[in-house]
Amino acid sequence: MSLHIEMETLREVLLVRLQGELDHHTAETLRNRLDTAIKDEQIRHVVLDLEDLTFMDSSGIGVILGRYKQITARSGEVFVCSINPTIYRIFEMSGLFKVLKYKEHVSDALDVLGVA
């Protein structure tokens, strides 16, 4: 399976919806698309909607952590939302919840960032 990436800019917030598998085959594409959007669109915050993400390996973790570093360097925040149980467990085991903010619903994260 592949990865479908849908991105929407809401002022200085980049909303990213991922569907499919985020692995070593698809991580580079996601990294490039995020880096371009963050740079070109003056993005300060990122909201990741992972409801339809079915698989993620260490390459995916690396992409997310790398963008987290970029965003926090801009005094921004990264939220992950709507995570299915399998991906939630990966986030728990990898310690991602220690650095990323979690909201159950995308609308909750957008509310916090003032763009809902």
Foldseek 3Di string as FASTA:
>chain_A
DAKDWDWDDQQQEIEIEIAEEAEPVHLVVVLVVVVCCCVVRVHQEYEYEDQRHDYYDVSNVVSVVVVQVVNVVSVHAYEYENHDPVVVVVCVVVVVVVRHHYDHDPVVVCVVVVRD
